[in-house]
Amino acid sequence: MTSPLVVAIDGPSGSGKSSTSRGVADRLKLAYLDTGAMYRAMTWALLRAGVDLSDPAAVAAAAERVTLSSGTDPLAPTIHVDGTDVAAPIRSDEVTGSVSLVAAVPHVRELLVDLQRAAIADSDGIVVEGRDIGSVVAPDAQVKIYLVADPAARAARRAAENGSTDAAATEAALAARDQIDSTRTASPLKKADGAIVVDGTHLTLDEVIETIVGLVGERS
């Protein structure tokens, strides 16, 4: 029996993972899972509960009480915390500035990796985006992509998404996020073994999607 196709797309913030992953999933008629949204949702829930995010033990204990659910339609992905739609609030500056603290807690990663693997197992084929998909969540994925772009391009994209005119500040924030994500002890951001690097710096979104769809066709 052939295993369902799993496409793992990892990379740093601002590299275009979300738009690319949704586009690839839509083109290939696969499900889609945004694991970053799951960490953001957990962060939103803990902030709302008044948890001290600088205390890993408190974060780990509180995370046990949070129920997350993710919709996997690439054209209309959803994320809920305890039944509440949090797609908008998880993109706030407060959550963005705090998510790396929560994501660095090993027990939080254990809880969410379990949910991510369950979503993969329940699918008939899926594109999963994040920072540790090919290395930790789905190391046996048939296709592993590491999506990158140069710092200026990433900052310009993220600033445009956020409606910001200060690209320099956005670039500095992304660099700080990269440093935290790539040096944390639990599942650091890195290129997974066997992953193909796709540099989207000078490509349009459609070109990046087309490139990855082509790679999936070659490898699956």
Protein backbone atom coordinates (compact mmCIF):
# COMPACT_ATOMS: atom_id res chain seq x y z
CA MET A 1 0.00 0.00 0.00
CA THR A 2 1.41 3.41 -1.01
CA SER A 3 1.71 5.96 1.78
CA PRO A 4 -0.10 9.29 1.29
CA LEU A 5 2.13 12.01 -0.15
CA VAL A 6 3.69 14.30 2.44
CA VAL A 7 5.42 17.50 1.28
CA ALA A 8 7.42 19.19 4.05
CA ILE A 9 8.18 22.89 3.51
CA ASP A 10 10.48 24.45 6.08
CA GLY A 11 12.24 27.78 6.22
CA PRO A 12 12.71 31.00 8.18
CA SER A 13 10.09 33.69 8.79
CA GLY A 14 9.23 35.79 5.76
CA SER A 15 10.50 33.28 3.21
CA GLY A 16 7.00 32.87 1.76
CA LYS A 17 6.22 29.46 3.24
CA SER A 18 2.53 30.03 3.87
CA SER A 19 1.53 31.40 0.47
CA THR A 20 3.76 28.88 -1.26
CA SER A 21 2.50 25.92 0.75
CA ARG A 22 -1.15 26.82 0.20
CA GLY A 23 -0.50 27.24 -3.51
CA VAL A 24 1.31 23.91 -3.80
CA ALA A 25 -1.44 22.13 -1.85
CA ASP A 26 -4.14 23.67 -4.04
CA ARG A 27 -2.32 22.76 -7.26
CA LEU A 28 -1.78 19.17 -6.14
CA LYS A 29 -5.22 18.80 -4.46
CA LEU A 30 -3.65 18.04 -1.10
CA ALA A 31 -4.51 19.08 2.44
CA TYR A 32 -2.49 21.89 4.05
CA LEU A 33 -1.23 22.37 7.61
CA ASP A 34 0.32 25.58 8.95
CA THR A 35 2.24 24.48 12.04
CA GLY A 36 3.38 28.03 12.72
CA ALA A 37 -0.24 29.02 13.25
CA MET A 38 -0.47 26.29 15.87
CA TYR A 39 2.42 27.78 17.86
CA ARG A 40 0.90 31.22 17.47
CA ALA A 41 -2.46 29.92 18.68
CA MET A 42 -0.84 28.34 21.72
CA THR A 43 0.95 31.62 22.43
CA TRP A 44 -2.30 33.58 22.12
CA ALA A 45 -4.02 31.20 24.53
CA LEU A 46 -1.25 31.46 27.13
CA LEU A 47 -1.08 35.24 26.87
CA ARG A 48 -4.85 35.40 27.31
CA ALA A 49 -4.56 33.19 30.39
CA GLY A 50 -1.92 35.47 31.90
CA VAL A 51 0.84 32.83 31.89
CA ASP A 52 4.39 34.07 32.49
CA LEU A 53 5.99 33.12 29.18
CA SER A 54 9.48 33.49 30.65
CA ASP A 55 8.74 30.51 32.93
CA PRO A 56 9.06 27.30 30.87
CA ALA A 57 7.49 25.15 33.59
CA ALA A 58 4.43 27.41 33.77
CA VAL A 59 4.16 27.44 29.97
CA ALA A 60 4.39 23.64 29.80
CA ALA A 61 1.73 23.15 32.48
CA ALA A 62 -0.68 25.67 30.96
CA ALA A 63 -0.23 24.24 27.46
CA GLU A 64 -1.72 20.96 28.67
CA ARG A 65 -5.06 22.72 29.17
CA VAL A 66 -5.30 24.24 25.67
CA THR A 67 -7.25 22.49 22.91
CA LEU A 68 -6.19 23.39 19.37
CA SER A 69 -7.82 22.39 16.10
CA SER A 70 -6.60 23.18 12.59
CA GLY A 71 -8.61 23.07 9.37
CA THR A 72 -6.59 21.77 6.43
CA ASP A 73 -8.33 23.25 3.39
CA PRO A 74 -5.58 25.21 1.57
CA LEU A 75 -8.13 27.70 0.24
CA ALA A 76 -9.66 28.33 3.66
CA PRO A 77 -7.37 27.16 6.48
CA THR A 78 -8.67 27.62 10.00
CA ILE A 79 -7.26 27.58 13.53
CA HIS A 80 -9.31 27.39 16.74
CA VAL A 81 -8.45 27.50 20.44
CA ASP A 82 -11.02 25.81 22.66
CA GLY A 83 -13.57 26.30 19.87
CA THR A 84 -12.79 29.99 19.29
CA ASP A 85 -11.63 31.16 15.85
CA VAL A 86 -8.25 32.83 16.43
CA ALA A 87 -7.04 33.25 12.83
CA ALA A 88 -6.93 37.05 13.18
CA PRO A 89 -5.66 37.61 16.75
CA ILE A 90 -2.74 35.20 16.40
CA ARG A 91 -1.20 37.65 13.89
CA SER A 92 -0.98 40.47 16.44
CA ASP A 93 2.35 42.10 17.31
CA GLU A 94 2.04 40.75 20.85
CA VAL A 95 1.80 37.16 19.66
CA THR A 96 4.52 37.68 17.05
CA GLY A 97 6.87 39.01 19.70
CA SER A 98 6.18 36.15 22.10
CA VAL A 99 5.81 33.02 19.98
CA SER A 100 9.51 32.10 19.99
CA LEU A 101 9.44 31.88 23.80
CA VAL A 102 6.56 29.42 23.70
CA ALA A 103 7.92 27.45 20.75
CA ALA A 104 11.22 26.92 22.57
CA VAL A 105 9.56 24.97 25.41
CA PRO A 106 10.14 21.24 24.74
CA HIS A 107 6.80 20.07 26.17
CA VAL A 108 4.88 22.52 23.97
CA ARG A 109 6.69 21.12 20.96
CA GLU A 110 5.86 17.56 22.07
CA LEU A 111 2.17 18.40 22.37
CA LEU A 112 1.97 20.14 19.02
CA VAL A 113 4.12 17.63 17.14
CA ASP A 114 1.67 14.94 18.28
CA LEU A 115 -1.21 16.99 16.82
CA GLN A 116 0.73 17.61 13.61
CA ARG A 117 1.54 13.94 13.13
CA ALA A 118 -2.10 13.06 13.75
CA ALA A 119 -3.18 15.51 11.03
CA ILE A 120 -0.69 13.97 8.63
CA ALA A 121 -1.88 10.45 9.46
CA ASP A 122 -5.52 11.46 8.94
CA SER A 123 -4.87 12.95 5.51
CA ASP A 124 -4.88 11.45 2.04
CA GLY A 125 -1.86 13.61 1.22
CA ILE A 126 -0.72 16.89 2.74
CA VAL A 127 1.61 19.87 2.48
CA VAL A 128 2.97 20.79 5.91
CA GLU A 129 4.85 24.01 6.54
CA GLY A 130 6.96 25.02 9.49
CA ARG A 131 10.50 25.02 10.82
CA ASP A 132 11.04 21.40 11.84
CA ILE A 133 8.76 19.43 9.53
CA GLY A 134 11.40 17.61 7.51
CA SER A 135 13.75 17.21 10.47
CA VAL A 136 11.37 16.24 13.28
CA VAL A 137 7.65 16.13 12.49
CA ALA A 138 7.77 14.13 9.25
CA PRO A 139 11.36 13.01 8.62
CA ASP A 140 10.06 10.35 6.20
CA ALA A 141 8.24 12.90 4.00
CA GLN A 142 8.61 12.00 0.34
CA VAL A 143 9.49 15.59 -0.54
CA LYS A 144 11.37 18.01 1.71
CA ILE A 145 11.83 21.64 0.75
CA TYR A 146 13.86 24.31 2.56
CA LEU A 147 12.51 27.64 1.32
CA VAL A 148 14.77 30.67 1.70
CA ALA A 149 15.09 34.27 0.52
CA ASP A 150 17.64 36.95 1.26
CA PRO A 151 17.03 39.10 4.37
CA ALA A 152 15.97 42.21 2.45
CA ALA A 153 13.42 40.32 0.37
CA ARG A 154 12.02 38.59 3.44
CA ALA A 155 11.73 41.88 5.31
CA ALA A 156 9.99 43.58 2.39
CA ARG A 157 7.44 40.76 2.16
CA ARG A 158 6.75 40.71 5.88
CA ALA A 159 6.49 44.51 6.09
CA ALA A 160 3.99 44.47 3.22
CA GLU A 161 1.95 41.76 4.95
CA ASN A 162 1.87 43.79 8.16
CA GLY A 163 1.25 47.14 6.50
CA SER A 164 4.56 48.47 7.83
CA THR A 165 6.75 51.04 6.07
CA ASP A 166 9.82 50.32 8.23
CA ALA A 167 11.57 47.52 6.35
CA ALA A 168 14.77 47.97 8.40
CA ALA A 169 12.96 47.33 11.67
CA THR A 170 11.18 44.35 10.12
CA GLU A 171 14.50 42.92 8.91
CA ALA A 172 16.00 43.31 12.41
CA ALA A 173 12.98 41.56 13.95
CA LEU A 174 13.28 38.68 11.49
CA ALA A 175 17.00 38.34 12.23
CA ALA A 176 16.24 38.16 15.95
CA ARG A 177 13.57 35.52 15.32
CA ASP A 178 16.00 33.50 13.18
CA GLN A 179 18.57 33.59 15.95
CA ILE A 180 16.12 32.28 18.53
CA ASP A 181 14.62 29.63 16.24
CA SER A 182 17.96 28.30 14.97
CA THR A 183 19.68 28.11 18.36
CA ARG A 184 16.92 26.72 20.58
CA THR A 185 17.54 23.29 22.07
CA ALA A 186 14.18 21.79 21.05
CA SER A 187 13.81 21.19 17.29
CA PRO A 188 15.86 24.13 16.00
CA LEU A 189 15.27 25.63 12.58
CA LYS A 190 17.60 23.90 10.14
CA LYS A 191 17.73 22.33 6.71
CA ALA A 192 16.60 18.72 7.04
CA ASP A 193 18.64 15.86 5.65
CA GLY A 194 17.59 15.32 2.05
CA ALA A 195 15.82 18.67 1.75
CA ILE A 196 16.06 20.66 -1.47
CA VAL A 197 16.84 24.36 -1.05
CA VAL A 198 14.57 26.65 -3.06
CA ASP A 199 15.62 30.31 -3.09
CA GLY A 200 12.65 32.54 -3.80
CA THR A 201 14.51 35.86 -3.62
CA HIS A 202 14.19 36.62 -7.32
CA LEU A 203 11.14 34.48 -8.11
CA THR A 204 7.48 35.37 -8.13
CA LEU A 205 5.11 33.40 -5.92
CA ASP A 206 3.81 31.51 -8.95
CA GLU A 207 7.36 30.63 -9.97
CA VAL A 208 8.17 29.27 -6.51
CA ILE A 209 4.96 27.21 -6.51
CA GLU A 210 5.72 25.90 -10.00
CA THR A 211 9.27 24.97 -8.96
CA ILE A 212 8.08 22.98 -5.96
CA VAL A 213 5.25 21.30 -7.87
CA GLY A 214 7.87 20.19 -10.38
CA LEU A 215 10.08 18.79 -7.63
CA VAL A 216 7.13 16.90 -6.17
CA GLY A 217 6.47 15.39 -9.59
CA GLU A 218 10.09 14.24 -9.82
CA ARG A 219 10.26 12.74 -6.33
CA SER A 220 6.82 11.30 -5.65
